[in-house]
Amino acid sequence: MCDRNERQSLWGDLIYYSNRFKNESWVVVGDFNVTKCGSEHTSNGNMTKAMAYFNKTIVSAKLEDLRSTRFHYTWSNRRIGNGVISKKLDRAMGNWFWFKN
């Protein structure tokens, strides 16, 4: 979601469901439209408020990234040269029970 308020609603839902299903194995997969850290963004290494909220949600929901292979960046503005921007927006995360199994 591009809208800040809609993303906040999604973060709240993730925390809610993580608490509801904390004793079950589950994963969440998708385009979160925000990176976790500066190294997941080619044009800016600064931590933004959106990134801070996303990280707080991941910690609260007790989620960890599933190991990925191949491409580090999952989105690009498809420009060439100085105007190129690439980000890791798509990810898969699981809870502790997912990794335990």
C-alpha atoms as a PDB file:
ATOM      1  CA  MET A   1       0.000   0.000   0.000  1.00  0.00           C
ATOM      2  CA  CYS A   2       1.286   3.418  -0.887  1.00  0.00           C
ATOM      3  CA  ASP A   3      -0.820   5.330   1.623  1.00  0.00           C
ATOM      4  CA  ARG A   4       0.783   5.694   5.060  1.00  0.00           C
ATOM      5  CA  ASN A   5      -2.513   5.156   6.926  1.00  0.00           C
ATOM      6  CA  GLU A   6      -3.297   2.003   4.963  1.00  0.00           C
ATOM      7  CA  ARG A   7       0.171   0.654   5.708  1.00  0.00           C
ATOM      8  CA  GLN A   8      -0.329   1.386   9.418  1.00  0.00           C
ATOM      9  CA  SER A   9      -3.549  -0.640   9.252  1.00  0.00           C
ATOM     10  CA  LEU A  10      -1.655  -3.523   7.617  1.00  0.00           C
ATOM     11  CA  TRP A  11       1.053  -3.378  10.299  1.00  0.00           C
ATOM     12  CA  GLY A  12      -1.634  -3.560  12.976  1.00  0.00           C
ATOM     13  CA  ASP A  13      -3.195  -6.564  11.238  1.00  0.00           C
ATOM     14  CA  LEU A  14       0.166  -8.351  11.083  1.00  0.00           C
ATOM     15  CA  ILE A  15       0.706  -7.865  14.809  1.00  0.00           C
ATOM     16  CA  TYR A  16      -2.859  -8.952  15.573  1.00  0.00           C
ATOM     17  CA  TYR A  17      -2.586 -12.170  13.547  1.00  0.00           C
ATOM     18  CA  SER A  18       0.889 -12.928  14.825  1.00  0.00           C
ATOM     19  CA  ASN A  19      -0.518 -12.906  18.367  1.00  0.00           C
ATOM     20  CA  ARG A  20      -3.603 -14.873  17.378  1.00  0.00           C
ATOM     21  CA  PHE A  21      -1.600 -17.615  15.648  1.00  0.00           C
ATOM     22  CA  LYS A  22       1.583 -17.450  17.712  1.00  0.00           C
ATOM     23  CA  ASN A  23       1.547 -21.190  18.393  1.00  0.00           C
ATOM     24  CA  GLU A  24       1.094 -22.160  14.741  1.00  0.00           C
ATOM     25  CA  SER A  25       3.437 -22.191  11.786  1.00  0.00           C
ATOM     26  CA  TRP A  26       2.720 -19.370   9.333  1.00  0.00           C
ATOM     27  CA  VAL A  27       4.322 -17.119   6.740  1.00  0.00           C
ATOM     28  CA  VAL A  28       3.460 -13.808   5.158  1.00  0.00           C
ATOM     29  CA  VAL A  29       4.501 -13.098   1.565  1.00  0.00           C
ATOM     30  CA  GLY A  30       4.080  -9.986  -0.520  1.00  0.00           C
ATOM     31  CA  ASP A  31       5.060  -6.532  -1.650  1.00  0.00           C
ATOM     32  CA  PHE A  32       5.286  -4.435   1.511  1.00  0.00           C
ATOM     33  CA  ASN A  33       6.138  -1.243  -0.403  1.00  0.00           C
ATOM     34  CA  VAL A  34       8.873  -0.402   2.110  1.00  0.00           C
ATOM     35  CA  THR A  35      12.408  -1.621   2.751  1.00  0.00           C
ATOM     36  CA  LYS A  36      13.754  -2.771   6.122  1.00  0.00           C
ATOM     37  CA  CYS A  37      17.101  -0.989   5.898  1.00  0.00           C
ATOM     38  CA  GLY A  38      19.170   1.332   3.734  1.00  0.00           C
ATOM     39  CA  SER A  39      21.090  -1.521   2.119  1.00  0.00           C
ATOM     40  CA  GLU A  40      17.826  -2.640   0.482  1.00  0.00           C
ATOM     41  CA  HIS A  41      17.595   0.657  -1.439  1.00  0.00           C
ATOM     42  CA  THR A  42      20.107   1.784  -4.066  1.00  0.00           C
ATOM     43  CA  SER A  43      19.519   5.516  -3.925  1.00  0.00           C
ATOM     44  CA  ASN A  44      19.264   6.293  -0.220  1.00  0.00           C
ATOM     45  CA  GLY A  45      20.791   4.614   2.812  1.00  0.00           C
ATOM     46  CA  ASN A  46      18.865   6.667   5.371  1.00  0.00           C
ATOM     47  CA  MET A  47      16.330   5.161   7.763  1.00  0.00           C
ATOM     48  CA  THR A  48      12.883   6.648   7.159  1.00  0.00           C
ATOM     49  CA  LYS A  49       9.845   6.712   9.443  1.00  0.00           C
ATOM     50  CA  ALA A  50       8.153   4.149   7.193  1.00  0.00           C
ATOM     51  CA  MET A  51      11.134   1.823   7.563  1.00  0.00           C
ATOM     52  CA  ALA A  52      11.175   2.288  11.341  1.00  0.00           C
ATOM     53  CA  TYR A  53       7.465   1.419  11.604  1.00  0.00           C
ATOM     54  CA  PHE A  54       7.973  -1.622   9.367  1.00  0.00           C
ATOM     55  CA  ASN A  55      10.874  -2.853  11.488  1.00  0.00           C
ATOM     56  CA  LYS A  56       8.905  -2.281  14.693  1.00  0.00           C
ATOM     57  CA  THR A  57       6.068  -4.346  13.223  1.00  0.00           C
ATOM     58  CA  ILE A  58       8.384  -7.180  12.199  1.00  0.00           C
ATOM     59  CA  VAL A  59       9.871  -7.326  15.697  1.00  0.00           C
ATOM     60  CA  SER A  60       6.438  -7.129  17.379  1.00  0.00           C
ATOM     61  CA  ALA A  61       5.066  -9.849  15.101  1.00  0.00           C
ATOM     62  CA  LYS A  62       8.193 -11.953  15.724  1.00  0.00           C
ATOM     63  CA  LEU A  63       8.805 -12.456  12.008  1.00  0.00           C
ATOM     64  CA  GLU A  64      12.070 -13.255  10.238  1.00  0.00           C
ATOM     65  CA  ASP A  65      12.923 -13.152   6.549  1.00  0.00           C
ATOM     66  CA  LEU A  66      12.959 -16.491   4.803  1.00  0.00           C
ATOM     67  CA  ARG A  67      16.237 -17.107   3.052  1.00  0.00           C
ATOM     68  CA  SER A  68      16.115 -15.839  -0.500  1.00  0.00           C
ATOM     69  CA  THR A  69      18.280 -16.567  -3.498  1.00  0.00           C
ATOM     70  CA  ARG A  70      19.147 -14.819  -6.724  1.00  0.00           C
ATOM     71  CA  PHE A  71      17.918 -11.229  -6.826  1.00  0.00           C
ATOM     72  CA  HIS A  72      18.530  -8.857  -3.915  1.00  0.00           C
ATOM     73  CA  TYR A  73      16.285  -6.107  -5.324  1.00  0.00           C
ATOM     74  CA  THR A  74      12.713  -6.945  -6.285  1.00  0.00           C
ATOM     75  CA  TRP A  75      11.596  -3.599  -7.738  1.00  0.00           C
ATOM     76  CA  SER A  76      13.141  -1.105 -10.142  1.00  0.00           C
ATOM     77  CA  ASN A  77      12.036   2.152 -11.730  1.00  0.00           C
ATOM     78  CA  ARG A  78      13.517   0.734 -14.997  1.00  0.00           C
ATOM     79  CA  ARG A  79      15.729   3.723 -15.635  1.00  0.00           C
ATOM     80  CA  ILE A  80      19.329   3.531 -16.749  1.00  0.00           C
ATOM     81  CA  GLY A  81      22.306   5.451 -15.404  1.00  0.00           C
ATOM     82  CA  ASN A  82      22.120   7.971 -12.583  1.00  0.00           C
ATOM     83  CA  GLY A  83      18.319   7.837 -12.349  1.00  0.00           C
ATOM     84  CA  VAL A  84      18.081   4.126 -11.592  1.00  0.00           C
ATOM     85  CA  ILE A  85      16.451   3.114  -8.316  1.00  0.00           C
ATOM     86  CA  SER A  86      16.163  -0.452  -7.095  1.00  0.00           C
ATOM     87  CA  LYS A  87      14.594  -1.674  -3.848  1.00  0.00           C
ATOM     88  CA  LYS A  88      13.763  -4.875  -2.022  1.00  0.00           C
ATOM     89  CA  LEU A  89      10.020  -4.480  -1.506  1.00  0.00           C
ATOM     90  CA  ASP A  90       8.879  -8.093  -1.914  1.00  0.00           C
ATOM     91  CA  ARG A  91       9.689 -10.542   0.823  1.00  0.00           C
ATOM     92  CA  ALA A  92       8.585 -13.691   2.597  1.00  0.00           C
ATOM     93  CA  MET A  93       8.712 -13.831   6.396  1.00  0.00           C
ATOM     94  CA  GLY A  94       7.890 -16.597   8.804  1.00  0.00           C
ATOM     95  CA  ASN A  95       7.370 -16.971  12.514  1.00  0.00           C
ATOM     96  CA  TRP A  96       9.452 -19.154  14.832  1.00  0.00           C
ATOM     97  CA  PHE A  97       7.261 -22.211  14.291  1.00  0.00           C
ATOM     98  CA  TRP A  98       7.783 -21.952  10.537  1.00  0.00           C
ATOM     99  CA  PHE A  99      11.541 -22.183  10.948  1.00  0.00           C
ATOM    100  CA  LYS A 100      11.254 -24.906  13.573  1.00  0.00           C
ATOM    101  CA  ASN A 101       9.478 -27.304  11.181  1.00  0.00           C
END
